[in-house]
Amino acid sequence: MNKFELRTQKKKDAIVNAALELFKEKGFIHVSIKDIAAKSGVSSVSLYNYFGSKEGVVKECANFLALKTVCMAKELMTQNMDFKDKLLKVFEMCAEQDYQLLGSPGAVEDRVLQSLYSEKTNQIREEIIREFIELGKREGAIDPSVSLETILELLNAIGTLQVSWARSGKYQDKMAELNQLLLFGLIGHP
């Protein structure tokens, strides 16, 4: 990267970090482009040039969180630990990623935010889970007779539950319980 590209990336990173902090603090609905620009130290014009709109910033925030989760998950796959513990940790990482944006005030009710977020993260999350399921089958921890497609469909259905749990304020407790249920069903013992 040349100096211009480095400066541009630094500004984009500042915008994403500021947006994530503001979304968590105030909620997506109550944060404006002007707020994000001020917090990041970048002009509103630059923000529009980089991302086009507030929705573009959300997509980049989702991409940032998802790619961060992918890196952590790939590192986790190489760890010398029981597959059950690996799988539980990756479920927790994915849930925490979702909670960073969807747990902010007003996020659950905002269909635009949910749509933008889901669009960006579902593909990346599926890649992580697909790799873990295949690893579990190779290690003999997951029954190879259960198709990967069925497991992915179940996990997608769970995503719908996560939204209602975020509304109730019991997101993390419910996810912990669900992780135990999933582990029992996938691996055969909690």
Protein backbone atom coordinates (compact mmCIF):
# COMPACT_ATOMS: atom_id res chain seq x y z
CA MET A 1 0.00 0.00 0.00
CA ASN A 2 1.21 3.48 -0.80
CA LYS A 3 0.88 6.44 1.62
CA PHE A 4 -2.44 7.58 0.14
CA GLU A 5 -3.96 4.10 0.46
CA LEU A 6 -2.68 3.81 4.05
CA ARG A 7 -4.22 7.19 4.96
CA THR A 8 -7.49 6.20 3.32
CA GLN A 9 -7.59 2.87 5.16
CA LYS A 10 -6.77 4.58 8.44
CA LYS A 11 -9.72 6.96 7.92
CA LYS A 12 -12.06 4.10 7.00
CA ASP A 13 -11.00 2.18 10.11
CA ALA A 14 -11.61 5.26 12.26
CA ILE A 15 -15.09 5.61 10.74
CA VAL A 16 -15.97 1.96 11.36
CA ASN A 17 -14.69 2.03 14.95
CA ALA A 18 -16.55 5.28 15.66
CA ALA A 19 -19.75 3.93 14.10
CA LEU A 20 -19.60 0.69 16.10
CA GLU A 21 -19.08 2.62 19.31
CA LEU A 22 -21.92 5.06 18.55
CA PHE A 23 -24.33 2.32 17.41
CA LYS A 24 -23.67 0.42 20.63
CA GLU A 25 -24.06 3.56 22.75
CA LYS A 26 -27.05 5.28 21.11
CA GLY A 27 -28.50 2.74 18.70
CA PHE A 28 -28.44 2.76 14.91
CA ILE A 29 -31.55 4.91 14.56
CA HIS A 30 -30.21 7.73 16.74
CA VAL A 31 -26.80 8.03 15.08
CA SER A 32 -26.33 10.32 12.11
CA ILE A 33 -23.60 10.54 9.50
CA LYS A 34 -22.62 13.82 11.14
CA ASP A 35 -22.21 12.02 14.51
CA ILE A 36 -20.02 9.34 12.96
CA ALA A 37 -17.92 11.90 11.10
CA ALA A 38 -17.39 13.97 14.25
CA LYS A 39 -16.47 10.95 16.40
CA SER A 40 -14.05 9.60 13.78
CA GLY A 41 -12.42 12.95 13.02
CA VAL A 42 -13.33 12.65 9.34
CA SER A 43 -15.49 15.05 7.36
CA SER A 44 -19.03 14.05 6.39
CA VAL A 45 -18.00 14.46 2.74
CA SER A 46 -15.17 11.95 3.16
CA LEU A 47 -17.52 9.55 4.90
CA TYR A 48 -19.96 9.75 1.98
CA ASN A 49 -17.08 9.34 -0.49
CA TYR A 50 -15.89 6.16 1.25
CA PHE A 51 -19.22 4.52 2.08
CA GLY A 52 -21.95 6.33 0.13
CA SER A 53 -24.45 6.36 3.00
CA LYS A 54 -25.13 5.36 6.58
CA GLU A 55 -26.21 1.98 5.24
CA GLY A 56 -22.81 1.63 3.57
CA VAL A 57 -21.18 2.26 6.94
CA VAL A 58 -23.36 -0.46 8.50
CA LYS A 59 -22.35 -2.92 5.80
CA GLU A 60 -18.69 -2.15 6.45
CA CYS A 61 -19.21 -2.52 10.22
CA ALA A 62 -20.83 -5.91 9.64
CA ASN A 63 -17.99 -6.90 7.32
CA PHE A 64 -15.40 -5.79 9.89
CA LEU A 65 -17.04 -7.78 12.70
CA ALA A 66 -17.50 -10.85 10.52
CA LEU A 67 -13.92 -10.88 9.24
CA LYS A 68 -12.63 -10.42 12.79
CA THR A 69 -14.72 -13.43 13.83
CA VAL A 70 -13.42 -15.49 10.89
CA CYS A 71 -9.81 -14.83 11.95
CA MET A 72 -10.55 -15.82 15.54
CA ALA A 73 -12.44 -18.95 14.41
CA LYS A 74 -9.67 -20.08 12.07
CA GLU A 75 -7.16 -19.65 14.87
CA LEU A 76 -9.44 -21.61 17.19
CA MET A 77 -9.60 -24.51 14.71
CA THR A 78 -5.86 -25.05 15.12
CA GLN A 79 -5.99 -25.12 18.94
CA ASN A 80 -5.36 -28.39 20.70
CA MET A 81 -8.68 -28.74 22.54
CA ASP A 82 -11.75 -30.92 22.53
CA PHE A 83 -13.99 -30.36 19.49
CA LYS A 84 -16.98 -29.64 21.73
CA ASP A 85 -15.10 -26.77 23.35
CA LYS A 86 -14.06 -25.44 19.95
CA LEU A 87 -17.62 -25.56 18.65
CA LEU A 88 -19.02 -23.89 21.76
CA LYS A 89 -16.46 -21.10 21.45
CA VAL A 90 -17.25 -20.50 17.77
CA PHE A 91 -21.00 -20.33 18.54
CA GLU A 92 -20.22 -17.82 21.29
CA MET A 93 -18.03 -15.77 18.94
CA CYS A 94 -20.75 -15.63 16.29
CA ALA A 95 -23.39 -14.69 18.87
CA GLU A 96 -21.15 -11.97 20.30
CA GLN A 97 -20.56 -10.61 16.81
CA ASP A 98 -24.32 -10.36 16.29
CA TYR A 99 -24.85 -8.78 19.69
CA GLN A 100 -22.32 -6.01 19.00
CA LEU A 101 -24.67 -4.43 16.45
CA LEU A 102 -28.05 -6.03 17.08
CA GLY A 103 -27.83 -5.53 20.84
CA SER A 104 -27.71 -1.75 20.53
CA PRO A 105 -30.76 0.35 21.49
CA GLY A 106 -33.44 0.21 18.81
CA ALA A 107 -31.51 -2.23 16.60
CA VAL A 108 -33.97 -5.08 16.98
CA GLU A 109 -36.85 -2.95 15.71
CA ASP A 110 -34.87 -1.51 12.81
CA ARG A 111 -35.58 -3.74 9.81
CA VAL A 112 -33.11 -1.84 7.60
CA LEU A 113 -30.26 -2.46 10.04
CA GLN A 114 -31.21 -6.12 10.43
CA SER A 115 -31.37 -6.60 6.67
CA LEU A 116 -28.05 -4.86 6.01
CA TYR A 117 -26.35 -6.71 8.82
CA SER A 118 -27.70 -10.12 7.85
CA GLU A 119 -26.85 -9.64 4.20
CA LYS A 120 -23.20 -9.03 5.04
CA THR A 121 -22.67 -11.58 7.80
CA ASN A 122 -24.66 -14.66 6.83
CA GLN A 123 -22.26 -15.73 4.10
CA ILE A 124 -19.20 -15.29 6.31
CA ARG A 125 -20.83 -16.99 9.31
CA GLU A 126 -21.85 -19.92 7.12
CA GLU A 127 -18.26 -20.31 5.96
CA ILE A 128 -17.02 -20.52 9.57
CA ILE A 129 -19.70 -22.98 10.65
CA ARG A 130 -19.29 -25.11 7.52
CA GLU A 131 -15.58 -25.52 8.28
CA PHE A 132 -16.26 -26.40 11.91
CA ILE A 133 -18.95 -28.95 11.03
CA GLU A 134 -16.64 -30.62 8.51
CA LEU A 135 -13.86 -30.66 11.11
CA GLY A 136 -16.27 -32.24 13.63
CA LYS A 137 -17.24 -34.93 11.15
CA ARG A 138 -13.58 -35.68 10.35
CA GLU A 139 -12.75 -35.89 14.06
CA GLY A 140 -15.74 -38.18 14.68
CA ALA A 141 -17.45 -35.68 17.02
CA ILE A 142 -20.43 -35.07 14.70
CA ASP A 143 -22.50 -37.84 13.17
CA PRO A 144 -21.54 -37.91 9.48
CA SER A 145 -25.03 -39.12 8.51
CA VAL A 146 -26.50 -35.67 9.28
CA SER A 147 -26.12 -33.52 6.20
CA LEU A 148 -24.29 -30.24 6.34
CA GLU A 149 -27.28 -28.57 4.66
CA THR A 150 -29.64 -29.67 7.44
CA ILE A 151 -27.27 -28.38 10.11
CA LEU A 152 -26.95 -25.03 8.30
CA GLU A 153 -30.74 -24.75 7.94
CA LEU A 154 -31.14 -25.35 11.68
CA LEU A 155 -28.56 -22.69 12.46
CA ASN A 156 -30.29 -20.22 10.12
CA ALA A 157 -33.58 -20.84 11.93
CA ILE A 158 -31.81 -20.13 15.19
CA GLY A 159 -30.81 -16.74 13.80
CA THR A 160 -34.48 -15.80 13.76
CA LEU A 161 -34.74 -16.71 17.44
CA GLN A 162 -31.77 -14.51 18.25
CA VAL A 163 -33.66 -11.41 17.14
CA SER A 164 -36.56 -12.11 19.49
CA TRP A 165 -34.14 -12.84 22.33
CA ALA A 166 -32.42 -9.49 21.80
CA ARG A 167 -35.83 -7.82 22.25
CA SER A 168 -36.41 -9.61 25.56
CA GLY A 169 -33.03 -8.62 26.98
CA LYS A 170 -32.12 -12.24 27.71
CA TYR A 171 -29.92 -12.72 24.67
CA GLN A 172 -26.77 -14.05 26.31
CA ASP A 173 -28.58 -16.39 28.73
CA LYS A 174 -30.71 -17.82 25.93
CA MET A 175 -27.67 -18.30 23.69
CA ALA A 176 -25.87 -20.20 26.45
CA GLU A 177 -28.86 -22.54 26.82
CA LEU A 178 -29.16 -22.97 23.07
CA ASN A 179 -25.47 -23.78 22.76
CA GLN A 180 -25.95 -26.62 25.23
CA LEU A 181 -28.94 -27.93 23.24
CA LEU A 182 -26.99 -27.75 19.99
CA LEU A 183 -24.01 -29.52 21.44
CA PHE A 184 -26.20 -32.30 22.79
CA GLY A 185 -27.89 -32.72 19.40
CA LEU A 186 -24.77 -32.46 17.28
CA ILE A 187 -22.28 -34.29 19.45
CA GLY A 188 -24.53 -36.49 21.55
CA HIS A 189 -23.56 -35.20 24.98
CA PRO A 190 -23.49 -31.75 26.61
